[in-house]
């Protein structure tokens, strides 16, 4: 299976449930933005089998730690994950609770004037919140 190595690299045993999670996450041409609950619903719809929320949560966080997914915090109690791990920007529609990619060329130059001693900027990603 093509996901066994990805699971092992993330420190996870390649169980049937985790392989099914991989299929839902990575067998898509389009970027997939999701919360843990979104992923749970999508798994139920696509696979029609129940996978425990703990297994989904642990698998997603192991993938994020390893760099296979990107975590995008929206506020203190809402986090999305993105299958597109490149540095890029997002719109967040507050009404629909939907994350939408925003291309880098659609954002002008960003000038960060403040420096923090002993730290360097790894990346700058803009989150633009939208509402009706």
N, C-alpha and C. Protein backbone atom coordinates (compact mmCIF):
# COMPACT_ATOMS: atom_id res chain seq x y z
N UNK A 1 0.85 -1.19 0.00
CA UNK A 1 0.00 0.00 0.00
C UNK A 1 0.89 1.25 0.00
N UNK A 2 0.42 2.28 -0.66
CA UNK A 2 1.25 3.47 -0.79
C UNK A 2 1.33 4.32 0.47
N UNK A 3 0.48 4.06 1.46
CA UNK A 3 0.48 4.89 2.67
C UNK A 3 1.19 4.25 3.86
N UNK A 4 1.64 3.02 3.71
CA UNK A 4 2.29 2.32 4.82
C UNK A 4 3.53 3.09 5.28
N UNK A 5 4.35 3.54 4.34
CA UNK A 5 5.58 4.26 4.70
C UNK A 5 5.25 5.59 5.37
N UNK A 6 4.23 6.29 4.88
CA UNK A 6 3.82 7.57 5.48
C UNK A 6 3.39 7.36 6.93
N UNK A 7 2.65 6.30 7.17
CA UNK A 7 2.23 5.99 8.54
C UNK A 7 3.42 5.64 9.41
N UNK A 8 4.29 4.77 8.93
CA UNK A 8 5.47 4.37 9.72
C UNK A 8 6.38 5.56 9.99
N UNK A 9 6.57 6.43 8.99
CA UNK A 9 7.39 7.64 9.19
C UNK A 9 6.80 8.55 10.25
N UNK A 10 5.49 8.46 10.45
CA UNK A 10 4.80 9.28 11.45
C UNK A 10 4.75 8.59 12.81
N UNK A 11 5.37 7.41 12.91
CA UNK A 11 5.40 6.69 14.17
C UNK A 11 4.13 5.89 14.44
N UNK A 12 3.37 5.58 13.39
CA UNK A 12 2.10 4.87 13.56
C UNK A 12 2.14 3.51 12.87
N UNK A 13 1.50 2.53 13.50
CA UNK A 13 1.36 1.23 12.85
C UNK A 13 0.33 1.36 11.73
N UNK A 14 0.58 0.78 10.58
CA UNK A 14 -0.36 0.88 9.45
C UNK A 14 -1.55 -0.08 9.60
N UNK A 15 -2.49 0.30 10.48
CA UNK A 15 -3.69 -0.51 10.66
C UNK A 15 -4.68 -0.23 9.52
N UNK A 16 -5.68 -1.07 9.41
CA UNK A 16 -6.70 -0.89 8.37
C UNK A 16 -7.39 0.47 8.50
N UNK A 17 -7.71 0.86 9.74
CA UNK A 17 -8.38 2.14 9.95
C UNK A 17 -7.50 3.32 9.54
N UNK A 18 -6.23 3.26 9.89
CA UNK A 18 -5.31 4.36 9.54
C UNK A 18 -5.09 4.43 8.04
N UNK A 19 -5.05 3.29 7.37
CA UNK A 19 -4.93 3.29 5.91
C UNK A 19 -6.17 3.90 5.28
N UNK A 20 -7.34 3.67 5.87
CA UNK A 20 -8.56 4.28 5.36
C UNK A 20 -8.55 5.79 5.58
N UNK A 21 -8.02 6.24 6.71
CA UNK A 21 -7.88 7.68 6.95
C UNK A 21 -6.98 8.29 5.88
N UNK A 22 -5.88 7.63 5.56
CA UNK A 22 -4.96 8.11 4.52
C UNK A 22 -5.67 8.24 3.18
N UNK A 23 -6.47 7.27 2.83
CA UNK A 23 -7.19 7.32 1.55
C UNK A 23 -8.09 8.54 1.48
N UNK A 24 -8.79 8.82 2.55
CA UNK A 24 -9.68 9.98 2.57
C UNK A 24 -8.88 11.28 2.50
N UNK A 25 -7.76 11.33 3.21
CA UNK A 25 -6.95 12.55 3.25
C UNK A 25 -6.19 12.81 1.96
N UNK A 26 -5.56 11.78 1.41
CA UNK A 26 -4.57 12.01 0.38
C UNK A 26 -4.96 11.52 -1.01
N UNK A 27 -6.06 10.79 -1.16
CA UNK A 27 -6.51 10.36 -2.49
C UNK A 27 -7.45 11.40 -3.10
N UNK A 28 -6.95 12.60 -3.28
CA UNK A 28 -7.74 13.69 -3.85
C UNK A 28 -6.84 14.60 -4.64
N UNK A 29 -7.37 15.16 -5.71
CA UNK A 29 -6.59 16.09 -6.53
C UNK A 29 -6.61 17.49 -5.94
N UNK A 30 -7.66 17.79 -5.18
CA UNK A 30 -7.82 19.14 -4.64
C UNK A 30 -7.32 19.20 -3.21
N UNK A 31 -6.89 20.39 -2.81
CA UNK A 31 -6.52 20.63 -1.43
C UNK A 31 -7.73 20.35 -0.55
N UNK A 32 -7.48 19.75 0.58
CA UNK A 32 -8.55 19.38 1.50
C UNK A 32 -8.32 20.12 2.82
N UNK A 33 -9.21 21.04 3.15
CA UNK A 33 -9.19 21.74 4.43
C UNK A 33 -10.23 21.07 5.32
N UNK A 34 -9.87 20.79 6.57
CA UNK A 34 -10.81 20.06 7.42
C UNK A 34 -10.52 20.27 8.90
N UNK A 35 -11.57 20.11 9.69
CA UNK A 35 -11.43 19.96 11.13
C UNK A 35 -11.48 18.45 11.40
N UNK A 36 -11.18 18.07 12.61
CA UNK A 36 -11.26 16.64 12.97
C UNK A 36 -12.69 16.14 12.75
N UNK A 37 -13.68 16.94 13.14
CA UNK A 37 -15.08 16.53 12.96
C UNK A 37 -15.45 16.43 11.49
N UNK A 38 -14.95 17.36 10.65
CA UNK A 38 -15.19 17.28 9.20
C UNK A 38 -14.65 15.97 8.64
N UNK A 39 -13.44 15.62 9.06
CA UNK A 39 -12.81 14.40 8.58
C UNK A 39 -13.60 13.17 9.03
N UNK A 40 -14.06 13.19 10.26
CA UNK A 40 -14.88 12.08 10.77
C UNK A 40 -16.13 11.89 9.89
N UNK A 41 -16.82 12.98 9.56
CA UNK A 41 -18.01 12.89 8.71
C UNK A 41 -17.67 12.39 7.31
N UNK A 42 -16.56 12.88 6.77
CA UNK A 42 -16.15 12.47 5.42
C UNK A 42 -15.79 10.98 5.38
N UNK A 43 -15.13 10.50 6.43
CA UNK A 43 -14.78 9.08 6.51
C UNK A 43 -16.05 8.24 6.55
N UNK A 44 -17.02 8.65 7.38
CA UNK A 44 -18.29 7.91 7.46
C UNK A 44 -18.99 7.87 6.11
N UNK A 45 -18.92 8.98 5.37
CA UNK A 45 -19.58 9.06 4.07
C UNK A 45 -18.86 8.22 3.02
N UNK A 46 -17.53 8.34 2.96
CA UNK A 46 -16.75 7.65 1.93
C UNK A 46 -16.54 6.17 2.20
N UNK A 47 -16.32 5.84 3.45
CA UNK A 47 -15.96 4.47 3.79
C UNK A 47 -17.13 3.72 4.42
N UNK A 48 -18.05 4.47 4.95
CA UNK A 48 -19.24 3.94 5.63
C UNK A 48 -18.90 2.96 6.75
N UNK A 49 -17.79 3.21 7.40
CA UNK A 49 -17.41 2.46 8.59
C UNK A 49 -17.01 3.46 9.65
N UNK A 50 -17.23 3.10 10.90
CA UNK A 50 -16.87 4.00 11.99
C UNK A 50 -15.43 3.77 12.39
N UNK A 51 -14.70 4.86 12.43
CA UNK A 51 -13.34 4.85 12.97
C UNK A 51 -13.39 5.77 14.18
N UNK A 52 -12.83 5.34 15.29
CA UNK A 52 -12.94 6.13 16.52
C UNK A 52 -12.32 7.51 16.32
N UNK A 53 -12.94 8.50 16.98
CA UNK A 53 -12.46 9.87 16.91
C UNK A 53 -11.03 9.96 17.45
N UNK A 54 -10.70 9.15 18.45
CA UNK A 54 -9.34 9.14 19.01
C UNK A 54 -8.32 8.69 17.96
N UNK A 55 -8.66 7.68 17.16
CA UNK A 55 -7.76 7.20 16.10
C UNK A 55 -7.58 8.29 15.04
N UNK A 56 -8.67 8.95 14.67
CA UNK A 56 -8.60 10.04 13.69
C UNK A 56 -7.73 11.16 14.23
N UNK A 57 -7.99 11.58 15.46
CA UNK A 57 -7.25 12.67 16.10
C UNK A 57 -5.76 12.35 16.17
N UNK A 58 -5.43 11.17 16.67
CA UNK A 58 -4.01 10.79 16.81
C UNK A 58 -3.31 10.69 15.46
N UNK A 59 -4.00 10.16 14.46
CA UNK A 59 -3.41 10.03 13.13
C UNK A 59 -3.16 11.40 12.51
N UNK A 60 -4.14 12.28 12.58
CA UNK A 60 -4.00 13.64 12.03
C UNK A 60 -2.85 14.38 12.71
N UNK A 61 -2.79 14.31 14.03
CA UNK A 61 -1.73 15.04 14.74
C UNK A 61 -0.34 14.43 14.49
N UNK A 62 -0.26 13.13 14.31
CA UNK A 62 1.03 12.51 13.96
C UNK A 62 1.46 12.95 12.56
N UNK A 63 0.51 13.03 11.62
CA UNK A 63 0.83 13.51 10.27
C UNK A 63 1.25 14.98 10.30
N UNK A 64 0.59 15.77 11.10
CA UNK A 64 0.93 17.20 11.19
C UNK A 64 2.33 17.37 11.77
N UNK A 65 2.64 16.62 12.81
CA UNK A 65 3.97 16.69 13.42
C UNK A 65 5.07 16.31 12.42
N UNK A 66 4.78 15.34 11.58
CA UNK A 66 5.75 14.85 10.60
C UNK A 66 5.83 15.75 9.37
N UNK A 67 4.86 16.67 9.19
CA UNK A 67 4.90 17.60 8.07
C UNK A 67 4.05 17.18 6.88
N UNK A 68 3.19 16.17 7.04
CA UNK A 68 2.31 15.74 5.95
C UNK A 68 1.03 16.57 5.89
N UNK A 69 0.71 17.25 6.98
CA UNK A 69 -0.45 18.14 7.05
C UNK A 69 -0.01 19.44 7.70
N UNK A 70 -0.72 20.51 7.39
CA UNK A 70 -0.45 21.80 8.01
C UNK A 70 -1.62 22.15 8.92
N UNK A 71 -1.30 22.62 10.13
CA UNK A 71 -2.33 23.04 11.07
C UNK A 71 -2.58 24.53 10.91
N UNK A 72 -3.86 24.93 10.85
CA UNK A 72 -4.22 26.34 10.69
C UNK A 72 -5.20 26.71 11.80
N UNK A 73 -4.70 27.36 12.86
CA UNK A 73 -5.59 27.76 13.94
C UNK A 73 -6.43 28.97 13.50
N UNK A 74 -7.73 28.87 13.67
CA UNK A 74 -8.64 29.96 13.30
C UNK A 74 -8.90 30.84 14.51
N UNK A 75 -9.16 30.23 15.64
CA UNK A 75 -9.31 30.95 16.91
C UNK A 75 -8.92 29.98 18.02
N UNK A 76 -9.15 30.37 19.27
CA UNK A 76 -8.65 29.55 20.38
C UNK A 76 -9.29 28.17 20.47
N UNK A 77 -10.46 27.97 19.85
CA UNK A 77 -11.10 26.66 19.97
C UNK A 77 -11.44 26.04 18.62
N UNK A 78 -10.86 26.55 17.54
CA UNK A 78 -11.14 25.98 16.22
C UNK A 78 -9.86 25.89 15.40
N UNK A 79 -9.53 24.66 15.00
CA UNK A 79 -8.32 24.41 14.22
C UNK A 79 -8.68 23.63 12.97
N UNK A 80 -8.14 24.08 11.85
CA UNK A 80 -8.27 23.36 10.59
C UNK A 80 -6.94 22.73 10.25
N UNK A 81 -6.99 21.74 9.38
CA UNK A 81 -5.79 21.12 8.85
C UNK A 81 -5.88 21.23 7.34
N UNK A 82 -4.73 21.25 6.69
CA UNK A 82 -4.65 21.45 5.25
C UNK A 82 -3.73 20.40 4.67
N UNK A 83 -4.16 19.76 3.58
CA UNK A 83 -3.30 18.78 2.92
C UNK A 83 -2.25 19.46 2.04
N UNK A 84 -2.42 20.75 1.75
CA UNK A 84 -1.42 21.52 1.02
C UNK A 84 -0.46 22.09 2.05
N UNK A 85 0.75 21.55 2.12
CA UNK A 85 1.69 21.94 3.16
C UNK A 85 2.63 23.07 2.75
N UNK A 86 2.46 23.59 1.53
CA UNK A 86 3.31 24.71 1.10
C UNK A 86 2.89 25.98 1.84
N UNK A 87 3.80 26.96 1.89
CA UNK A 87 3.46 28.25 2.50
C UNK A 87 2.47 28.95 1.58
N UNK A 88 1.27 29.21 2.08
CA UNK A 88 0.27 29.95 1.30
C UNK A 88 -0.74 30.57 2.25
N UNK A 89 -1.56 31.44 1.71
CA UNK A 89 -2.51 32.22 2.50
C UNK A 89 -3.91 31.64 2.38
N UNK A 90 -4.81 32.12 3.26
CA UNK A 90 -6.18 31.63 3.27
C UNK A 90 -7.20 32.74 3.52
N UNK A 91 -8.37 32.56 2.93
CA UNK A 91 -9.58 33.25 3.35
C UNK A 91 -10.27 32.31 4.33
N UNK A 92 -10.93 32.87 5.34
CA UNK A 92 -11.79 32.06 6.19
C UNK A 92 -13.16 32.72 6.23
N UNK A 93 -14.16 32.01 5.72
CA UNK A 93 -15.53 32.50 5.69
C UNK A 93 -16.16 32.19 7.05
N UNK A 94 -16.40 33.24 7.83
CA UNK A 94 -16.94 33.07 9.18
C UNK A 94 -18.35 32.50 9.18
N UNK A 95 -19.16 32.87 8.19
CA UNK A 95 -20.55 32.40 8.14
C UNK A 95 -20.64 30.93 7.77
N UNK A 96 -19.85 30.52 6.78
CA UNK A 96 -19.89 29.13 6.31
C UNK A 96 -18.88 28.23 7.02
N UNK A 97 -18.03 28.84 7.84
CA UNK A 97 -16.94 28.12 8.51
C UNK A 97 -16.16 27.31 7.49
N UNK A 98 -15.65 28.01 6.49
CA UNK A 98 -14.97 27.37 5.37
C UNK A 98 -13.64 28.06 5.12
N UNK A 99 -12.60 27.26 4.93
CA UNK A 99 -11.26 27.76 4.63
C UNK A 99 -11.03 27.65 3.13
N UNK A 100 -10.51 28.73 2.52
CA UNK A 100 -10.33 28.79 1.07
C UNK A 100 -8.90 29.25 0.79
N UNK A 101 -8.20 28.55 -0.09
CA UNK A 101 -6.83 28.96 -0.44
C UNK A 101 -6.82 30.34 -1.08
N UNK A 102 -5.81 31.10 -0.75
CA UNK A 102 -5.57 32.42 -1.33
C UNK A 102 -4.16 32.38 -1.89
N UNK A 103 -4.02 32.53 -3.20
CA UNK A 103 -2.72 32.42 -3.85
C UNK A 103 -1.77 33.52 -3.38
N UNK A 104 -0.49 33.16 -3.30
CA UNK A 104 0.53 34.12 -2.86
C UNK A 104 0.54 35.38 -3.71
N UNK A 105 0.32 35.24 -5.03
CA UNK A 105 0.36 36.41 -5.90
C UNK A 105 -0.84 37.35 -5.68
N UNK A 106 -1.85 36.90 -4.91
CA UNK A 106 -3.00 37.74 -4.60
C UNK A 106 -2.79 38.57 -3.33
N UNK A 107 -1.61 38.43 -2.72
CA UNK A 107 -1.28 39.19 -1.51
C UNK A 107 -0.02 40.00 -1.81
N UNK A 108 -0.09 41.30 -1.53
CA UNK A 108 1.07 42.18 -1.77
C UNK A 108 2.19 41.88 -0.80
N UNK A 109 3.31 42.57 -0.97
CA UNK A 109 4.46 42.37 -0.09
C UNK A 109 4.09 42.67 1.37
N UNK A 110 4.59 41.86 2.26
CA UNK A 110 4.33 42.05 3.69
C UNK A 110 5.66 42.44 4.34
N UNK A 111 5.63 43.52 5.09
CA UNK A 111 6.84 44.03 5.71
C UNK A 111 6.71 43.89 7.23
N UNK A 112 7.46 42.98 7.81
CA UNK A 112 7.46 42.77 9.26
C UNK A 112 8.60 43.61 9.84
N UNK A 113 8.25 44.61 10.64
CA UNK A 113 9.27 45.53 11.15
C UNK A 113 9.84 45.11 12.50
N UNK A 114 9.09 44.36 13.26
CA UNK A 114 9.54 43.97 14.59
C UNK A 114 10.40 42.71 14.52
N UNK A 115 11.44 42.69 15.31
CA UNK A 115 12.31 41.51 15.42
C UNK A 115 12.23 40.99 16.85
N UNK A 116 12.39 39.68 16.99
CA UNK A 116 12.44 39.08 18.32
C UNK A 116 13.80 38.43 18.46
N UNK A 117 14.53 38.84 19.49
CA UNK A 117 15.90 38.36 19.68
C UNK A 117 15.97 36.84 19.71
N UNK A 118 16.91 36.30 18.96
CA UNK A 118 17.14 34.86 18.94
C UNK A 118 16.17 34.09 18.05
N UNK A 119 15.27 34.80 17.37
CA UNK A 119 14.28 34.14 16.52
C UNK A 119 14.39 34.68 15.10
N UNK A 120 14.08 33.81 14.14
CA UNK A 120 14.01 34.26 12.75
C UNK A 120 12.65 33.85 12.18
N UNK A 121 12.16 34.60 11.24
CA UNK A 121 10.86 34.33 10.65
C UNK A 121 10.98 33.12 9.73
N UNK A 122 10.18 32.11 9.99
CA UNK A 122 10.15 30.90 9.16
C UNK A 122 9.26 31.12 7.94
N UNK A 123 8.08 31.68 8.17
CA UNK A 123 7.17 31.96 7.07
C UNK A 123 6.15 32.99 7.53
N UNK A 124 5.51 33.63 6.58
CA UNK A 124 4.43 34.56 6.85
C UNK A 124 3.22 34.09 6.05
N UNK A 125 2.15 33.79 6.76
CA UNK A 125 0.94 33.33 6.10
C UNK A 125 -0.22 34.19 6.59
N UNK A 126 -0.98 34.71 5.65
CA UNK A 126 -2.08 35.61 5.96
C UNK A 126 -3.37 34.81 6.05
N UNK A 127 -4.17 35.11 7.09
CA UNK A 127 -5.51 34.54 7.22
C UNK A 127 -6.48 35.72 7.17
N UNK A 128 -7.29 35.78 6.12
CA UNK A 128 -8.24 36.87 5.92
C UNK A 128 -9.62 36.34 6.29
N UNK A 129 -10.24 36.92 7.32
CA UNK A 129 -11.56 36.46 7.76
C UNK A 129 -12.63 37.27 7.02
N UNK A 130 -13.62 36.55 6.49
CA UNK A 130 -14.71 37.15 5.71
C UNK A 130 -16.04 36.93 6.42
N UNK A 131 -16.97 37.87 6.24
CA UNK A 131 -18.34 37.66 6.70
C UNK A 131 -19.30 38.39 5.75
N UNK A 132 -20.56 37.99 5.82
CA UNK A 132 -21.57 38.62 4.96
C UNK A 132 -21.88 40.02 5.44
